[in-house]
């Protein structure tokens, strides 16, 4: 069987193939908007002889692929930097659709694989996205935690919640490289952190005029949201199914 060709979403040289959308620097400023990034919220830098994508975290913003993708395995290698504006918060947003600003005033509606420290792998329904996730209530009864044997729970605007916490903490200490993998096929998505599955989402959808419509593809976004983050590699490979061992 021929090996499937991978796409380097980060080419190691520049941000060709990506769009930026940058919010306001402060409450008295206007948004920078589309493809206007004078503050270099997103840039390519060299550290220890290695070309990296740097996300400053100084201003909320989106880095979004120009293309839509479906049925893929995405591998992201990242680490947190030393600079913290608010918190070490960011996210990998997938199946992104609609306009910038529909999600928390900045991002496109999408599913989020959380990259926030202590929460890597959490699932968040950004804007008008929808998922069904097997989950149980947290010990305090105020939130939901992924559990493969839990009841199928609806997540999204107007549903049980917009957030489902991962059930396994497998992230590396700040300053070390994390390997995050995302498997998407049809309406299913699997979050893998440093080799361990900690979230499986089912029945991906989008809420349009009160109706839930299937959502199986979209653009990919990276967030700037409070902390300096470096990306070493971001590779996408088409798949014809999710490996069975990940769904057990």
C-alpha atoms as a PDB file:
ATOM      1  CA  UNK A   1       0.000   0.000   0.000  1.00  0.00           C
ATOM      2  CA  UNK A   2       1.391   3.388  -0.990  1.00  0.00           C
ATOM      3  CA  UNK A   3       2.171   5.717   1.857  1.00  0.00           C
ATOM      4  CA  UNK A   4      -0.149   8.701   2.027  1.00  0.00           C
ATOM      5  CA  UNK A   5       1.469  12.049   1.333  1.00  0.00           C
ATOM      6  CA  UNK A   6       1.639  14.515   4.207  1.00  0.00           C
ATOM      7  CA  UNK A   7       1.103  18.265   3.993  1.00  0.00           C
ATOM      8  CA  UNK A   8       3.350  20.561   6.034  1.00  0.00           C
ATOM      9  CA  UNK A   9       0.880  23.207   7.216  1.00  0.00           C
ATOM     10  CA  UNK A  10       3.806  25.116   8.744  1.00  0.00           C
ATOM     11  CA  UNK A  11       6.465  25.242   6.040  1.00  0.00           C
ATOM     12  CA  UNK A  12       9.226  26.429   8.383  1.00  0.00           C
ATOM     13  CA  UNK A  13       9.821  29.612   6.369  1.00  0.00           C
ATOM     14  CA  UNK A  14       6.804  31.894   6.416  1.00  0.00           C
ATOM     15  CA  UNK A  15       3.034  32.016   6.875  1.00  0.00           C
ATOM     16  CA  UNK A  16       2.111  31.396   3.250  1.00  0.00           C
ATOM     17  CA  UNK A  17      -1.256  29.636   3.040  1.00  0.00           C
ATOM     18  CA  UNK A  18      -2.509  31.188   6.279  1.00  0.00           C
ATOM     19  CA  UNK A  19      -4.718  34.160   7.148  1.00  0.00           C
ATOM     20  CA  UNK A  20      -4.513  36.183  10.358  1.00  0.00           C
ATOM     21  CA  UNK A  21      -7.292  37.895  12.259  1.00  0.00           C
ATOM     22  CA  UNK A  22      -6.120  40.083  15.140  1.00  0.00           C
ATOM     23  CA  UNK A  23      -8.237  41.651  17.847  1.00  0.00           C
ATOM     24  CA  UNK A  24      -7.808  44.984  19.613  1.00  0.00           C
ATOM     25  CA  UNK A  25      -4.633  45.776  21.543  1.00  0.00           C
ATOM     26  CA  UNK A  26      -6.693  47.210  24.405  1.00  0.00           C
ATOM     27  CA  UNK A  27     -10.231  48.391  25.174  1.00  0.00           C
ATOM     28  CA  UNK A  28      -9.518  51.797  23.621  1.00  0.00           C
ATOM     29  CA  UNK A  29      -8.264  50.394  20.319  1.00  0.00           C
ATOM     30  CA  UNK A  30      -9.873  49.046  17.168  1.00  0.00           C
ATOM     31  CA  UNK A  31      -9.330  45.498  15.998  1.00  0.00           C
ATOM     32  CA  UNK A  32      -6.490  45.033  13.559  1.00  0.00           C
ATOM     33  CA  UNK A  33      -8.714  42.630  11.646  1.00  0.00           C
ATOM     34  CA  UNK A  34      -7.922  40.440   8.662  1.00  0.00           C
ATOM     35  CA  UNK A  35      -4.313  39.986   7.493  1.00  0.00           C
ATOM     36  CA  UNK A  36      -3.089  43.019   9.400  1.00  0.00           C
ATOM     37  CA  UNK A  37      -0.586  42.000  12.076  1.00  0.00           C
ATOM     38  CA  UNK A  38       1.791  44.911  12.802  1.00  0.00           C
ATOM     39  CA  UNK A  39       2.320  43.617  16.357  1.00  0.00           C
ATOM     40  CA  UNK A  40       3.687  40.305  14.989  1.00  0.00           C
ATOM     41  CA  UNK A  41       1.279  38.229  17.013  1.00  0.00           C
ATOM     42  CA  UNK A  42       2.119  35.414  14.583  1.00  0.00           C
ATOM     43  CA  UNK A  43       5.643  35.213  13.184  1.00  0.00           C
ATOM     44  CA  UNK A  44       8.421  32.834  12.145  1.00  0.00           C
ATOM     45  CA  UNK A  45      11.524  33.038  14.331  1.00  0.00           C
ATOM     46  CA  UNK A  46      14.800  31.175  14.772  1.00  0.00           C
ATOM     47  CA  UNK A  47      15.615  29.645  18.155  1.00  0.00           C
ATOM     48  CA  UNK A  48      18.772  27.549  18.678  1.00  0.00           C
ATOM     49  CA  UNK A  49      19.156  27.251  14.918  1.00  0.00           C
ATOM     50  CA  UNK A  50      15.592  25.950  14.465  1.00  0.00           C
ATOM     51  CA  UNK A  51      12.837  27.713  12.534  1.00  0.00           C
ATOM     52  CA  UNK A  52       9.671  27.942  14.635  1.00  0.00           C
ATOM     53  CA  UNK A  53       6.236  29.490  14.419  1.00  0.00           C
ATOM     54  CA  UNK A  54       5.912  31.935  17.324  1.00  0.00           C
ATOM     55  CA  UNK A  55       2.548  32.987  18.754  1.00  0.00           C
ATOM     56  CA  UNK A  56       3.046  35.943  21.075  1.00  0.00           C
ATOM     57  CA  UNK A  57      -0.166  35.699  23.097  1.00  0.00           C
ATOM     58  CA  UNK A  58      -0.079  39.470  23.605  1.00  0.00           C
ATOM     59  CA  UNK A  59      -3.344  40.025  21.702  1.00  0.00           C
ATOM     60  CA  UNK A  60      -6.183  37.617  21.017  1.00  0.00           C
ATOM     61  CA  UNK A  61      -5.970  36.450  17.423  1.00  0.00           C
ATOM     62  CA  UNK A  62      -6.455  33.652  14.911  1.00  0.00           C
ATOM     63  CA  UNK A  63      -4.085  32.064  12.431  1.00  0.00           C
ATOM     64  CA  UNK A  64      -6.271  30.179   9.962  1.00  0.00           C
ATOM     65  CA  UNK A  65      -5.557  27.978   6.968  1.00  0.00           C
ATOM     66  CA  UNK A  66      -6.847  29.273   3.664  1.00  0.00           C
ATOM     67  CA  UNK A  67      -7.970  25.747   2.771  1.00  0.00           C
ATOM     68  CA  UNK A  68     -10.552  23.461   4.328  1.00  0.00           C
ATOM     69  CA  UNK A  69      -9.611  19.912   5.317  1.00  0.00           C
ATOM     70  CA  UNK A  70     -11.479  16.690   6.102  1.00  0.00           C
ATOM     71  CA  UNK A  71     -10.615  13.088   6.994  1.00  0.00           C
ATOM     72  CA  UNK A  72      -7.108  13.615   8.302  1.00  0.00           C
ATOM     73  CA  UNK A  73      -4.515  12.971  10.970  1.00  0.00           C
ATOM     74  CA  UNK A  74      -2.953  16.206  12.181  1.00  0.00           C
ATOM     75  CA  UNK A  75       0.256  16.206  14.222  1.00  0.00           C
ATOM     76  CA  UNK A  76       1.230  19.358  16.128  1.00  0.00           C
ATOM     77  CA  UNK A  77       4.477  19.701  18.082  1.00  0.00           C
ATOM     78  CA  UNK A  78       4.492  22.735  20.374  1.00  0.00           C
ATOM     79  CA  UNK A  79       5.823  24.121  23.624  1.00  0.00           C
ATOM     80  CA  UNK A  80       5.118  27.104  25.833  1.00  0.00           C
ATOM     81  CA  UNK A  81       7.541  30.020  26.004  1.00  0.00           C
ATOM     82  CA  UNK A  82       8.527  32.124  28.991  1.00  0.00           C
ATOM     83  CA  UNK A  83       6.299  35.132  28.277  1.00  0.00           C
ATOM     84  CA  UNK A  84       2.816  35.131  29.789  1.00  0.00           C
ATOM     85  CA  UNK A  85       0.397  37.984  29.077  1.00  0.00           C
ATOM     86  CA  UNK A  86      -2.634  36.482  30.864  1.00  0.00           C
ATOM     87  CA  UNK A  87      -2.235  32.702  31.020  1.00  0.00           C
ATOM     88  CA  UNK A  88      -0.699  29.924  28.958  1.00  0.00           C
ATOM     89  CA  UNK A  89      -3.873  29.528  26.954  1.00  0.00           C
ATOM     90  CA  UNK A  90      -4.260  28.609  23.298  1.00  0.00           C
ATOM     91  CA  UNK A  91      -6.121  26.105  21.188  1.00  0.00           C
ATOM     92  CA  UNK A  92      -6.104  24.054  18.015  1.00  0.00           C
ATOM     93  CA  UNK A  93      -9.424  24.845  16.326  1.00  0.00           C
ATOM     94  CA  UNK A  94     -10.673  22.486  13.637  1.00  0.00           C
ATOM     95  CA  UNK A  95     -13.666  22.175  11.282  1.00  0.00           C
ATOM     96  CA  UNK A  96     -13.731  25.996  11.383  1.00  0.00           C
ATOM     97  CA  UNK A  97     -16.549  27.660   9.437  1.00  0.00           C
ATOM     98  CA  UNK A  98     -18.294  31.007   9.006  1.00  0.00           C
ATOM     99  CA  UNK A  99     -16.784  34.382   9.777  1.00  0.00           C
ATOM    100  CA  UNK A 100     -14.065  35.457  12.158  1.00  0.00           C
ATOM    101  CA  UNK A 101     -15.648  36.819  15.330  1.00  0.00           C
ATOM    102  CA  UNK A 102     -18.429  34.244  15.666  1.00  0.00           C
ATOM    103  CA  UNK A 103     -16.459  32.551  18.442  1.00  0.00           C
ATOM    104  CA  UNK A 104     -15.845  34.799  21.479  1.00  0.00           C
ATOM    105  CA  UNK A 105     -15.567  37.842  19.208  1.00  0.00           C
ATOM    106  CA  UNK A 106     -12.364  36.693  17.488  1.00  0.00           C
ATOM    107  CA  UNK A 107     -12.388  33.143  16.157  1.00  0.00           C
ATOM    108  CA  UNK A 108     -14.437  31.287  13.572  1.00  0.00           C
ATOM    109  CA  UNK A 109     -16.978  28.783  14.842  1.00  0.00           C
ATOM    110  CA  UNK A 110     -15.112  25.509  15.289  1.00  0.00           C
ATOM    111  CA  UNK A 111     -14.241  22.614  17.551  1.00  0.00           C
ATOM    112  CA  UNK A 112     -11.370  23.277  19.931  1.00  0.00           C
ATOM    113  CA  UNK A 113      -8.706  20.860  21.032  1.00  0.00           C
ATOM    114  CA  UNK A 114      -7.568  22.820  24.052  1.00  0.00           C
ATOM    115  CA  UNK A 115      -3.835  23.605  24.394  1.00  0.00           C
ATOM    116  CA  UNK A 116      -4.224  25.517  27.664  1.00  0.00           C
ATOM    117  CA  UNK A 117      -1.835  24.280  30.352  1.00  0.00           C
ATOM    118  CA  UNK A 118      -3.428  21.684  32.644  1.00  0.00           C
ATOM    119  CA  UNK A 119      -6.260  21.324  30.121  1.00  0.00           C
ATOM    120  CA  UNK A 120      -4.539  19.979  26.994  1.00  0.00           C
ATOM    121  CA  UNK A 121      -7.007  17.780  25.134  1.00  0.00           C
ATOM    122  CA  UNK A 122     -10.200  19.308  26.532  1.00  0.00           C
ATOM    123  CA  UNK A 123     -12.992  19.815  24.008  1.00  0.00           C
ATOM    124  CA  UNK A 124     -14.736  23.177  23.575  1.00  0.00           C
ATOM    125  CA  UNK A 125     -17.533  24.071  21.164  1.00  0.00           C
ATOM    126  CA  UNK A 126     -16.444  27.441  19.794  1.00  0.00           C
ATOM    127  CA  UNK A 127     -19.292  29.561  18.451  1.00  0.00           C
ATOM    128  CA  UNK A 128     -21.970  27.461  16.773  1.00  0.00           C
ATOM    129  CA  UNK A 129     -20.317  24.031  16.741  1.00  0.00           C
ATOM    130  CA  UNK A 130     -21.850  20.884  18.246  1.00  0.00           C
ATOM    131  CA  UNK A 131     -20.542  17.512  19.458  1.00  0.00           C
ATOM    132  CA  UNK A 132     -21.839  14.474  21.317  1.00  0.00           C
ATOM    133  CA  UNK A 133     -19.353  13.082  23.837  1.00  0.00           C
ATOM    134  CA  UNK A 134     -19.590  10.173  26.300  1.00  0.00           C
ATOM    135  CA  UNK A 135     -19.173  11.940  29.629  1.00  0.00           C
ATOM    136  CA  UNK A 136     -19.915  11.951  33.340  1.00  0.00           C
ATOM    137  CA  UNK A 137     -20.483  14.807  35.746  1.00  0.00           C
ATOM    138  CA  UNK A 138     -17.443  16.063  37.650  1.00  0.00           C
ATOM    139  CA  UNK A 139     -17.157  15.415  41.388  1.00  0.00           C
ATOM    140  CA  UNK A 140     -18.684  18.821  42.175  1.00  0.00           C
ATOM    141  CA  UNK A 141     -21.478  18.261  39.652  1.00  0.00           C
ATOM    142  CA  UNK A 142     -20.751  21.543  37.853  1.00  0.00           C
ATOM    143  CA  UNK A 143     -18.999  20.289  34.722  1.00  0.00           C
ATOM    144  CA  UNK A 144     -18.470  17.256  32.492  1.00  0.00           C
ATOM    145  CA  UNK A 145     -15.526  14.893  32.079  1.00  0.00           C
ATOM    146  CA  UNK A 146     -14.919  12.547  29.144  1.00  0.00           C
ATOM    147  CA  UNK A 147     -15.584   8.895  29.994  1.00  0.00           C
ATOM    148  CA  UNK A 148     -15.686   6.256  27.254  1.00  0.00           C
ATOM    149  CA  UNK A 149     -18.358   4.424  29.268  1.00  0.00           C
ATOM    150  CA  UNK A 150     -20.327   7.550  30.168  1.00  0.00           C
ATOM    151  CA  UNK A 151     -23.679   8.605  28.787  1.00  0.00           C
ATOM    152  CA  UNK A 152     -23.678  10.323  25.393  1.00  0.00           C
ATOM    153  CA  UNK A 153     -23.988  14.018  26.195  1.00  0.00           C
ATOM    154  CA  UNK A 154     -24.730  16.945  23.860  1.00  0.00           C
ATOM    155  CA  UNK A 155     -22.272  19.851  23.811  1.00  0.00           C
ATOM    156  CA  UNK A 156     -22.693  23.245  22.176  1.00  0.00           C
ATOM    157  CA  UNK A 157     -24.694  26.430  22.505  1.00  0.00           C
ATOM    158  CA  UNK A 158     -27.890  25.677  24.428  1.00  0.00           C
ATOM    159  CA  UNK A 159     -26.828  22.092  25.198  1.00  0.00           C
ATOM    160  CA  UNK A 160     -25.616  20.504  28.444  1.00  0.00           C
ATOM    161  CA  UNK A 161     -22.367  22.508  28.225  1.00  0.00           C
ATOM    162  CA  UNK A 162     -19.874  23.865  25.711  1.00  0.00           C
ATOM    163  CA  UNK A 163     -16.904  22.276  27.505  1.00  0.00           C
ATOM    164  CA  UNK A 164     -15.921  18.677  28.172  1.00  0.00           C
ATOM    165  CA  UNK A 165     -12.751  18.062  30.188  1.00  0.00           C
ATOM    166  CA  UNK A 166     -10.254  15.383  29.205  1.00  0.00           C
ATOM    167  CA  UNK A 167     -10.038  12.342  31.437  1.00  0.00           C
ATOM    168  CA  UNK A 168      -6.266  11.926  31.317  1.00  0.00           C
ATOM    169  CA  UNK A 169      -3.529  14.467  32.006  1.00  0.00           C
ATOM    170  CA  UNK A 170      -0.572  13.532  29.831  1.00  0.00           C
ATOM    171  CA  UNK A 171       0.988  16.923  29.081  1.00  0.00           C
ATOM    172  CA  UNK A 172       4.655  17.791  29.520  1.00  0.00           C
ATOM    173  CA  UNK A 173       5.962  20.455  31.920  1.00  0.00           C
ATOM    174  CA  UNK A 174       6.071  24.034  30.620  1.00  0.00           C
ATOM    175  CA  UNK A 175       9.064  24.494  28.331  1.00  0.00           C
ATOM    176  CA  UNK A 176       9.069  20.912  27.042  1.00  0.00           C
ATOM    177  CA  UNK A 177       7.703  19.852  23.660  1.00  0.00           C
ATOM    178  CA  UNK A 178       4.209  18.354  23.549  1.00  0.00           C
ATOM    179  CA  UNK A 179       2.999  16.171  20.680  1.00  0.00           C
ATOM    180  CA  UNK A 180      -0.716  16.658  20.058  1.00  0.00           C
ATOM    181  CA  UNK A 181      -2.468  14.525  17.453  1.00  0.00           C
ATOM    182  CA  UNK A 182      -5.945  14.978  16.052  1.00  0.00           C
ATOM    183  CA  UNK A 183      -7.724  12.276  14.055  1.00  0.00           C
ATOM    184  CA  UNK A 184     -10.839  13.403  12.180  1.00  0.00           C
ATOM    185  CA  UNK A 185     -12.981  11.157  10.021  1.00  0.00           C
ATOM    186  CA  UNK A 186     -16.604  11.842   9.178  1.00  0.00           C
ATOM    187  CA  UNK A 187     -18.333  13.051  12.342  1.00  0.00           C
ATOM    188  CA  UNK A 188     -15.754  11.625  14.766  1.00  0.00           C
ATOM    189  CA  UNK A 189     -12.648  13.287  16.205  1.00  0.00           C
ATOM    190  CA  UNK A 190     -10.018  11.813  18.541  1.00  0.00           C
ATOM    191  CA  UNK A 191      -7.687  13.938  20.696  1.00  0.00           C
ATOM    192  CA  UNK A 192      -4.314  12.339  21.479  1.00  0.00           C
ATOM    193  CA  UNK A 193      -1.779  13.994  23.803  1.00  0.00           C
ATOM    194  CA  UNK A 194       1.768  12.636  23.885  1.00  0.00           C
ATOM    195  CA  UNK A 195       0.582   9.263  22.660  1.00  0.00           C
ATOM    196  CA  UNK A 196      -2.466   8.879  24.917  1.00  0.00           C
ATOM    197  CA  UNK A 197      -6.128   9.285  23.891  1.00  0.00           C
ATOM    198  CA  UNK A 198      -7.914  11.650  26.275  1.00  0.00           C
ATOM    199  CA  UNK A 199     -11.044  12.626  24.317  1.00  0.00           C
ATOM    200  CA  UNK A 200     -13.287  11.209  21.587  1.00  0.00           C
ATOM    201  CA  UNK A 201     -15.999  13.389  20.059  1.00  0.00           C
ATOM    202  CA  UNK A 202     -18.882  12.055  17.970  1.00  0.00           C
ATOM    203  CA  UNK A 203     -21.609  13.366  15.642  1.00  0.00           C
ATOM    204  CA  UNK A 204     -19.876  16.606  14.754  1.00  0.00           C
ATOM    205  CA  UNK A 205     -22.315  19.296  13.763  1.00  0.00           C
ATOM    206  CA  UNK A 206     -23.044  22.976  13.450  1.00  0.00           C
ATOM    207  CA  UNK A 207     -26.075  24.821  14.724  1.00  0.00           C
ATOM    208  CA  UNK A 208     -27.772  26.870  12.007  1.00  0.00           C
ATOM    209  CA  UNK A 209     -31.053  28.647  12.754  1.00  0.00           C
ATOM    210  CA  UNK A 210     -31.800  26.183  15.529  1.00  0.00           C
ATOM    211  CA  UNK A 211     -31.053  23.136  13.371  1.00  0.00           C
ATOM    212  CA  UNK A 212     -28.075  20.807  13.755  1.00  0.00           C
ATOM    213  CA  UNK A 213     -26.339  20.123  10.431  1.00  0.00           C
ATOM    214  CA  UNK A 214     -23.443  17.688   9.890  1.00  0.00           C
ATOM    215  CA  UNK A 215     -19.939  19.177  10.077  1.00  0.00           C
ATOM    216  CA  UNK A 216     -17.078  17.039   8.790  1.00  0.00           C
ATOM    217  CA  UNK A 217     -14.612  19.545   7.357  1.00  0.00           C
ATOM    218  CA  UNK A 218     -13.346  23.083   7.731  1.00  0.00           C
ATOM    219  CA  UNK A 219     -10.370  25.341   8.156  1.00  0.00           C
ATOM    220  CA  UNK A 220      -7.802  24.907  10.933  1.00  0.00           C
ATOM    221  CA  UNK A 221      -7.002  27.741  13.332  1.00  0.00           C
ATOM    222  CA  UNK A 222      -4.376  28.347  15.988  1.00  0.00           C
ATOM    223  CA  UNK A 223      -5.156  30.788  18.775  1.00  0.00           C
ATOM    224  CA  UNK A 224      -3.222  33.609  20.341  1.00  0.00           C
ATOM    225  CA  UNK A 225      -4.833  33.878  23.769  1.00  0.00           C
ATOM    226  CA  UNK A 226      -2.583  34.875  26.601  1.00  0.00           C
ATOM    227  CA  UNK A 227       0.766  33.100  26.429  1.00  0.00           C
ATOM    228  CA  UNK A 228       3.823  32.737  24.208  1.00  0.00           C
ATOM    229  CA  UNK A 229       3.754  29.481  22.257  1.00  0.00           C
ATOM    230  CA  UNK A 230       6.162  27.925  19.754  1.00  0.00           C
ATOM    231  CA  UNK A 231       5.258  25.419  17.031  1.00  0.00           C
ATOM    232  CA  UNK A 232       7.992  23.163  15.686  1.00  0.00           C
ATOM    233  CA  UNK A 233       5.897  21.098  13.291  1.00  0.00           C
ATOM    234  CA  UNK A 234       2.338  20.920  12.017  1.00  0.00           C
ATOM    235  CA  UNK A 235       1.686  18.069   9.604  1.00  0.00           C
ATOM    236  CA  UNK A 236      -1.562  16.840   8.067  1.00  0.00           C
ATOM    237  CA  UNK A 237      -2.039  13.432   6.448  1.00  0.00           C
ATOM    238  CA  UNK A 238      -5.240  12.221   4.769  1.00  0.00           C
ATOM    239  CA  UNK A 239      -6.785   9.058   6.256  1.00  0.00           C
ATOM    240  CA  UNK A 240      -9.522   6.674   5.161  1.00  0.00           C
ATOM    241  CA  UNK A 241     -10.452   5.698   8.723  1.00  0.00           C
ATOM    242  CA  UNK A 242      -9.502   6.322  12.338  1.00  0.00           C
ATOM    243  CA  UNK A 243      -7.144   3.574  13.590  1.00  0.00           C
ATOM    244  CA  UNK A 244      -9.242   1.091  15.547  1.00  0.00           C
ATOM    245  CA  UNK A 245      -6.918   0.990  18.558  1.00  0.00           C
ATOM    246  CA  UNK A 246      -7.660   4.657  19.219  1.00  0.00           C
ATOM    247  CA  UNK A 247     -11.395   4.033  19.506  1.00  0.00           C
ATOM    248  CA  UNK A 248     -11.189   1.288  22.143  1.00  0.00           C
END
